Amino acid sequence: MAINIVKAKIIESGKTMSQVVEELNRQDDFGSLQNLSQKLSRGTLKYTEAEKIASICGYEIIWKKREG
């Protein structure tokens, strides 16, 4: 599920996964496109990495308490 959300938000932002990986590598030594794909498919993407991806794509992660 989280895999689809991250990929969908990257696409919605108008960026490619390659562009996101490029920017991640400018900020940190993230690795390759294959590295990102594997993390998404294995479910091993760190929260801090998800935050960076969100920021690169123009999003922020918000925690909101459920009602009820």
PDB file of N, CA and C in Angstrom:
ATOM      1  N   MET A   1       0.828  -1.197   0.000  1.00  0.00           N
ATOM      2  CA  MET A   1       0.000   0.000   0.000  1.00  0.00           C
ATOM      3  C   MET A   1       0.870   1.258   0.000  1.00  0.00           C
ATOM      4  N   ALA A   2       1.829   1.334   0.928  1.00  0.00           N
ATOM      5  CA  ALA A   2       2.702   2.508   1.005  1.00  0.00           C
ATOM      6  C   ALA A   2       3.505   2.681  -0.277  1.00  0.00           C
ATOM      7  N   ILE A   3       3.838   1.571  -0.909  1.00  0.00           N
ATOM      8  CA  ILE A   3       4.583   1.612  -2.162  1.00  0.00           C
ATOM      9  C   ILE A   3       3.798   2.409  -3.191  1.00  0.00           C
ATOM     10  N   ASN A   4       2.527   2.083  -3.326  1.00  0.00           N
ATOM     11  CA  ASN A   4       1.680   2.743  -4.305  1.00  0.00           C
ATOM     12  C   ASN A   4       1.512   4.219  -3.996  1.00  0.00           C
ATOM     13  N   ILE A   5       1.423   4.571  -2.723  1.00  0.00           N
ATOM     14  CA  ILE A   5       1.259   5.975  -2.335  1.00  0.00           C
ATOM     15  C   ILE A   5       2.495   6.773  -2.715  1.00  0.00           C
ATOM     16  N   VAL A   6       3.671   6.269  -2.400  1.00  0.00           N
ATOM     17  CA  VAL A   6       4.911   6.991  -2.706  1.00  0.00           C
ATOM     18  C   VAL A   6       5.057   7.154  -4.219  1.00  0.00           C
ATOM     19  N   LYS A   7       4.870   6.078  -4.959  1.00  0.00           N
ATOM     20  CA  LYS A   7       4.983   6.159  -6.423  1.00  0.00           C
ATOM     21  C   LYS A   7       3.941   7.108  -7.000  1.00  0.00           C
ATOM     22  N   ALA A   8       2.704   7.038  -6.495  1.00  0.00           N
ATOM     23  CA  ALA A   8       1.625   7.898  -6.994  1.00  0.00           C
ATOM     24  C   ALA A   8       1.941   9.366  -6.737  1.00  0.00           C
ATOM     25  N   LYS A   9       2.459   9.678  -5.573  1.00  0.00           N
ATOM     26  CA  LYS A   9       2.773  11.071  -5.240  1.00  0.00           C
ATOM     27  C   LYS A   9       3.938  11.587  -6.083  1.00  0.00           C
ATOM     28  N   ILE A  10       4.892  10.728  -6.375  1.00  0.00           N
ATOM     29  CA  ILE A  10       5.990  11.138  -7.262  1.00  0.00           C
ATOM     30  C   ILE A  10       5.429  11.487  -8.636  1.00  0.00           C
ATOM     31  N   ILE A  11       4.564  10.637  -9.158  1.00  0.00           N
ATOM     32  CA  ILE A  11       3.962  10.869 -10.477  1.00  0.00           C
ATOM     33  C   ILE A  11       3.085  12.119 -10.456  1.00  0.00           C
ATOM     34  N   GLU A  12       2.255  12.265  -9.411  1.00  0.00           N
ATOM     35  CA  GLU A  12       1.381  13.441  -9.302  1.00  0.00           C
ATOM     36  C   GLU A  12       2.177  14.742  -9.273  1.00  0.00           C
ATOM     37  N   SER A  13       3.382  14.688  -8.724  1.00  0.00           N
ATOM     38  CA  SER A  13       4.194  15.898  -8.633  1.00  0.00           C
ATOM     39  C   SER A  13       4.794  16.290  -9.980  1.00  0.00           C
ATOM     40  N   GLY A  14       4.687  15.382 -10.967  1.00  0.00           N
ATOM     41  CA  GLY A  14       5.251  15.662 -12.283  1.00  0.00           C
ATOM     42  C   GLY A  14       6.714  15.271 -12.404  1.00  0.00           C
ATOM     43  N   LYS A  15       7.234  14.608 -11.393  1.00  0.00           N
ATOM     44  CA  LYS A  15       8.628  14.166 -11.416  1.00  0.00           C
ATOM     45  C   LYS A  15       8.698  12.689 -11.768  1.00  0.00           C
ATOM     46  N   THR A  16       9.876  12.259 -12.166  1.00  0.00           N
ATOM     47  CA  THR A  16      10.109  10.840 -12.390  1.00  0.00           C
ATOM     48  C   THR A  16      10.863  10.300 -11.179  1.00  0.00           C
ATOM     49  N   MET A  17      10.878   9.003 -11.043  1.00  0.00           N
ATOM     50  CA  MET A  17      11.635   8.398  -9.944  1.00  0.00           C
ATOM     51  C   MET A  17      13.116   8.707 -10.116  1.00  0.00           C
ATOM     52  N   SER A  18      13.583   8.768 -11.358  1.00  0.00           N
ATOM     53  CA  SER A  18      14.996   9.102 -11.614  1.00  0.00           C
ATOM     54  C   SER A  18      15.327  10.500 -11.115  1.00  0.00           C
ATOM     55  N   GLN A  19      14.429  11.453 -11.352  1.00  0.00           N
ATOM     56  CA  GLN A  19      14.661  12.826 -10.880  1.00  0.00           C
ATOM     57  C   GLN A  19      14.696  12.879  -9.356  1.00  0.00           C
ATOM     58  N   VAL A  20      13.816  12.128  -8.720  1.00  0.00           N
ATOM     59  CA  VAL A  20      13.783  12.088  -7.258  1.00  0.00           C
ATOM     60  C   VAL A  20      15.083  11.493  -6.719  1.00  0.00           C
ATOM     61  N   VAL A  21      15.552  10.414  -7.333  1.00  0.00           N
ATOM     62  CA  VAL A  21      16.810   9.794  -6.902  1.00  0.00           C
ATOM     63  C   VAL A  21      17.978  10.756  -7.098  1.00  0.00           C
ATOM     64  N   GLU A  22      17.978  11.478  -8.209  1.00  0.00           N
ATOM     65  CA  GLU A  22      19.029  12.478  -8.454  1.00  0.00           C
ATOM     66  C   GLU A  22      19.077  13.497  -7.324  1.00  0.00           C
ATOM     67  N   GLU A  23      17.914  14.006  -6.955  1.00  0.00           N
ATOM     68  CA  GLU A  23      17.843  15.009  -5.888  1.00  0.00           C
ATOM     69  C   GLU A  23      18.237  14.395  -4.540  1.00  0.00           C
ATOM     70  N   LEU A  24      17.807  13.173  -4.274  1.00  0.00           N
ATOM     71  CA  LEU A  24      18.210  12.504  -3.032  1.00  0.00           C
ATOM     72  C   LEU A  24      19.726  12.377  -2.959  1.00  0.00           C
ATOM     73  N   ASN A  25      20.355  12.089  -4.085  1.00  0.00           N
ATOM     74  CA  ASN A  25      21.817  11.957  -4.119  1.00  0.00           C
ATOM     75  C   ASN A  25      22.516  13.294  -3.957  1.00  0.00           C
ATOM     76  N   ARG A  26      21.864  14.393  -4.329  1.00  0.00           N
ATOM     77  CA  ARG A  26      22.453  15.718  -4.084  1.00  0.00           C
ATOM     78  C   ARG A  26      22.459  16.012  -2.587  1.00  0.00           C
ATOM     79  N   GLN A  27      21.419  15.541  -1.890  1.00  0.00           N
ATOM     80  CA  GLN A  27      21.282  15.802  -0.457  1.00  0.00           C
ATOM     81  C   GLN A  27      22.089  14.820   0.387  1.00  0.00           C
ATOM     82  N   ASP A  28      22.232  13.610  -0.108  1.00  0.00           N
ATOM     83  CA  ASP A  28      22.800  12.515   0.674  1.00  0.00           C
ATOM     84  C   ASP A  28      23.282  11.451  -0.307  1.00  0.00           C
ATOM     85  N   ASP A  29      23.976  10.471   0.165  1.00  0.00           N
ATOM     86  CA  ASP A  29      24.403   9.371  -0.697  1.00  0.00           C
ATOM     87  C   ASP A  29      23.322   8.298  -0.672  1.00  0.00           C
ATOM     88  N   PHE A  30      22.282   8.482  -1.472  1.00  0.00           N
ATOM     89  CA  PHE A  30      21.125   7.585  -1.444  1.00  0.00           C
ATOM     90  C   PHE A  30      21.338   6.317  -2.245  1.00  0.00           C
ATOM     91  N   GLY A  31      21.913   6.453  -3.410  1.00  0.00           N
ATOM     92  CA  GLY A  31      22.128   5.279  -4.255  1.00  0.00           C
ATOM     93  C   GLY A  31      21.436   5.417  -5.597  1.00  0.00           C
ATOM     94  N   SER A  32      21.001   4.298  -6.133  1.00  0.00           N
ATOM     95  CA  SER A  32      20.484   4.254  -7.499  1.00  0.00           C
ATOM     96  C   SER A  32      18.959   4.185  -7.536  1.00  0.00           C
ATOM     97  N   LEU A  33      18.434   4.313  -8.734  1.00  0.00           N
ATOM     98  CA  LEU A  33      17.005   4.131  -8.966  1.00  0.00           C
ATOM     99  C   LEU A  33      16.595   2.729  -8.543  1.00  0.00           C
ATOM    100  N   GLN A  34      17.450   1.763  -8.850  1.00  0.00           N
ATOM    101  CA  GLN A  34      17.181   0.380  -8.459  1.00  0.00           C
ATOM    102  C   GLN A  34      17.087   0.270  -6.934  1.00  0.00           C
ATOM    103  N   ASN A  35      17.925   1.011  -6.224  1.00  0.00           N
ATOM    104  CA  ASN A  35      17.895   1.025  -4.763  1.00  0.00           C
ATOM    105  C   ASN A  35      16.534   1.506  -4.259  1.00  0.00           C
ATOM    106  N   LEU A  36      16.029   2.598  -4.836  1.00  0.00           N
ATOM    107  CA  LEU A  36      14.722   3.121  -4.446  1.00  0.00           C
ATOM    108  C   LEU A  36      13.625   2.107  -4.760  1.00  0.00           C
ATOM    109  N   SER A  37      13.654   1.544  -5.935  1.00  0.00           N
ATOM    110  CA  SER A  37      12.646   0.555  -6.333  1.00  0.00           C
ATOM    111  C   SER A  37      12.634  -0.640  -5.390  1.00  0.00           C
ATOM    112  N   GLN A  38      13.826  -1.106  -5.023  1.00  0.00           N
ATOM    113  CA  GLN A  38      13.912  -2.244  -4.114  1.00  0.00           C
ATOM    114  C   GLN A  38      13.380  -1.891  -2.723  1.00  0.00           C
ATOM    115  N   LYS A  39      13.707  -0.704  -2.240  1.00  0.00           N
ATOM    116  CA  LYS A  39      13.209  -0.286  -0.923  1.00  0.00           C
ATOM    117  C   LYS A  39      11.687  -0.208  -0.932  1.00  0.00           C
ATOM    118  N   LEU A  40      11.128   0.304  -2.016  1.00  0.00           N
ATOM    119  CA  LEU A  40       9.676   0.400  -2.101  1.00  0.00           C
ATOM    120  C   LEU A  40       9.034  -0.983  -2.174  1.00  0.00           C
ATOM    121  N   SER A  41       9.597  -1.865  -2.971  1.00  0.00           N
ATOM    122  CA  SER A  41       8.990  -3.192  -3.124  1.00  0.00           C
ATOM    123  C   SER A  41       9.167  -4.057  -1.879  1.00  0.00           C
ATOM    124  N   ARG A  42      10.256  -3.854  -1.151  1.00  0.00           N
ATOM    125  CA  ARG A  42      10.499  -4.632   0.076  1.00  0.00           C
ATOM    126  C   ARG A  42       9.824  -4.019   1.303  1.00  0.00           C
ATOM    127  N   GLY A  43       9.423  -2.758   1.172  1.00  0.00           N
ATOM    128  CA  GLY A  43       8.841  -2.067   2.321  1.00  0.00           C
ATOM    129  C   GLY A  43       9.884  -1.644   3.334  1.00  0.00           C
ATOM    130  N   THR A  44      11.104  -1.344   2.851  1.00  0.00           N
ATOM    131  CA  THR A  44      12.193  -0.979   3.759  1.00  0.00           C
ATOM    132  C   THR A  44      12.596   0.495   3.657  1.00  0.00           C
ATOM    133  N   LEU A  45      11.751   1.307   3.021  1.00  0.00           N
ATOM    134  CA  LEU A  45      12.031   2.741   2.927  1.00  0.00           C
ATOM    135  C   LEU A  45      11.922   3.343   4.325  1.00  0.00           C
ATOM    136  N   LYS A  46      12.942   4.055   4.755  1.00  0.00           N
ATOM    137  CA  LYS A  46      12.939   4.677   6.082  1.00  0.00           C
ATOM    138  C   LYS A  46      11.993   5.875   6.079  1.00  0.00           C
ATOM    139  N   TYR A  47      11.464   6.188   7.244  1.00  0.00           N
ATOM    140  CA  TYR A  47      10.569   7.341   7.372  1.00  0.00           C
ATOM    141  C   TYR A  47      11.279   8.623   6.953  1.00  0.00           C
ATOM    142  N   THR A  48      12.533   8.778   7.345  1.00  0.00           N
ATOM    143  CA  THR A  48      13.275   9.989   6.979  1.00  0.00           C
ATOM    144  C   THR A  48      13.440  10.087   5.459  1.00  0.00           C
ATOM    145  N   GLU A  49      13.598   8.938   4.796  1.00  0.00           N
ATOM    146  CA  GLU A  49      13.699   8.931   3.338  1.00  0.00           C
ATOM    147  C   GLU A  49      12.361   9.317   2.716  1.00  0.00           C
ATOM    148  N   ALA A  50      11.275   8.823   3.300  1.00  0.00           N
ATOM    149  CA  ALA A  50       9.938   9.174   2.810  1.00  0.00           C
ATOM    150  C   ALA A  50       9.701  10.672   2.961  1.00  0.00           C
ATOM    151  N   GLU A  51      10.163  11.250   4.074  1.00  0.00           N
ATOM    152  CA  GLU A  51      10.031  12.693   4.281  1.00  0.00           C
ATOM    153  C   GLU A  51      10.801  13.478   3.221  1.00  0.00           C
ATOM    154  N   LYS A  52      12.017  13.018   2.908  1.00  0.00           N
ATOM    155  CA  LYS A  52      12.816  13.691   1.883  1.00  0.00           C
ATOM    156  C   LYS A  52      12.146  13.598   0.515  1.00  0.00           C
ATOM    157  N   ILE A  53      11.616  12.426   0.187  1.00  0.00           N
ATOM    158  CA  ILE A  53      10.932  12.244  -1.091  1.00  0.00           C
ATOM    159  C   ILE A  53       9.714  13.157  -1.156  1.00  0.00           C
ATOM    160  N   ALA A  54       8.957  13.210  -0.076  1.00  0.00           N
ATOM    161  CA  ALA A  54       7.782  14.084  -0.029  1.00  0.00           C
ATOM    162  C   ALA A  54       8.191  15.538  -0.266  1.00  0.00           C
ATOM    163  N   SER A  55       9.234  15.968   0.392  1.00  0.00           N
ATOM    164  CA  SER A  55       9.712  17.344   0.247  1.00  0.00           C
ATOM    165  C   SER A  55      10.152  17.643  -1.180  1.00  0.00           C
ATOM    166  N   ILE A  56      10.893  16.737  -1.772  1.00  0.00           N
ATOM    167  CA  ILE A  56      11.353  16.898  -3.155  1.00  0.00           C
ATOM    168  C   ILE A  56      10.163  17.048  -4.103  1.00  0.00           C
ATOM    169  N   CYS A  57       9.087  16.324  -3.802  1.00  0.00           N
ATOM    170  CA  CYS A  57       7.898  16.342  -4.660  1.00  0.00           C
ATOM    171  C   CYS A  57       6.929  17.461  -4.305  1.00  0.00           C
ATOM    172  N   GLY A  58       7.280  18.264  -3.307  1.00  0.00           N
ATOM    173  CA  GLY A  58       6.432  19.394  -2.937  1.00  0.00           C
ATOM    174  C   GLY A  58       5.322  19.034  -1.959  1.00  0.00           C
ATOM    175  N   TYR A  59       5.500  17.958  -1.227  1.00  0.00           N
ATOM    176  CA  TYR A  59       4.521  17.518  -0.239  1.00  0.00           C
ATOM    177  C   TYR A  59       5.131  17.559   1.149  1.00  0.00           C
ATOM    178  N   GLU A  60       4.263  17.472   2.146  1.00  0.00           N
ATOM    179  CA  GLU A  60       4.717  17.265   3.510  1.00  0.00           C
ATOM    180  C   GLU A  60       3.845  16.166   4.108  1.00  0.00           C
ATOM    181  N   ILE A  61       4.411  15.431   5.028  1.00  0.00           N
ATOM    182  CA  ILE A  61       3.680  14.358   5.691  1.00  0.00           C
ATOM    183  C   ILE A  61       3.063  14.940   6.954  1.00  0.00           C
ATOM    184  N   ILE A  62       1.761  14.788   7.081  1.00  0.00           N
ATOM    185  CA  ILE A  62       1.039  15.351   8.222  1.00  0.00           C
ATOM    186  C   ILE A  62       0.383  14.213   8.995  1.00  0.00           C
ATOM    187  N   TRP A  63       0.545  14.252  10.297  1.00  0.00           N
ATOM    188  CA  TRP A  63      -0.119  13.292  11.157  1.00  0.00           C
ATOM    189  C   TRP A  63      -1.361  13.960  11.699  1.00  0.00           C
ATOM    190  N   LYS A  64      -2.488  13.322  11.510  1.00  0.00           N
ATOM    191  CA  LYS A  64      -3.758  13.895  11.955  1.00  0.00           C
ATOM    192  C   LYS A  64      -4.493  12.840  12.777  1.00  0.00           C
ATOM    193  N   LYS A  65      -4.929  13.237  13.964  1.00  0.00           N
ATOM    194  CA  LYS A  65      -5.659  12.309  14.830  1.00  0.00           C
ATOM    195  C   LYS A  65      -7.032  12.040  14.239  1.00  0.00           C
ATOM    196  N   ARG A  66      -7.380  10.776  14.228  1.00  0.00           N
ATOM    197  CA  ARG A  66      -8.693  10.384  13.729  1.00  0.00           C
ATOM    198  C   ARG A  66      -9.778  10.812  14.695  1.00  0.00           C
ATOM    199  N   GLU A  67     -10.892  11.155  14.132  1.00  0.00           N
ATOM    200  CA  GLU A  67     -12.046  11.512  14.980  1.00  0.00           C
ATOM    201  C   GLU A  67     -12.772  10.248  15.364  1.00  0.00           C
ATOM    202  N   GLY A  68     -13.257  10.235  16.588  1.00  0.00           N
ATOM    203  CA  GLY A  68     -14.064   9.118  17.049  1.00  0.00           C
ATOM    204  C   GLY A  68     -13.286   8.108  17.666  1.00  0.00           C
TER     205      GLY A  68
END
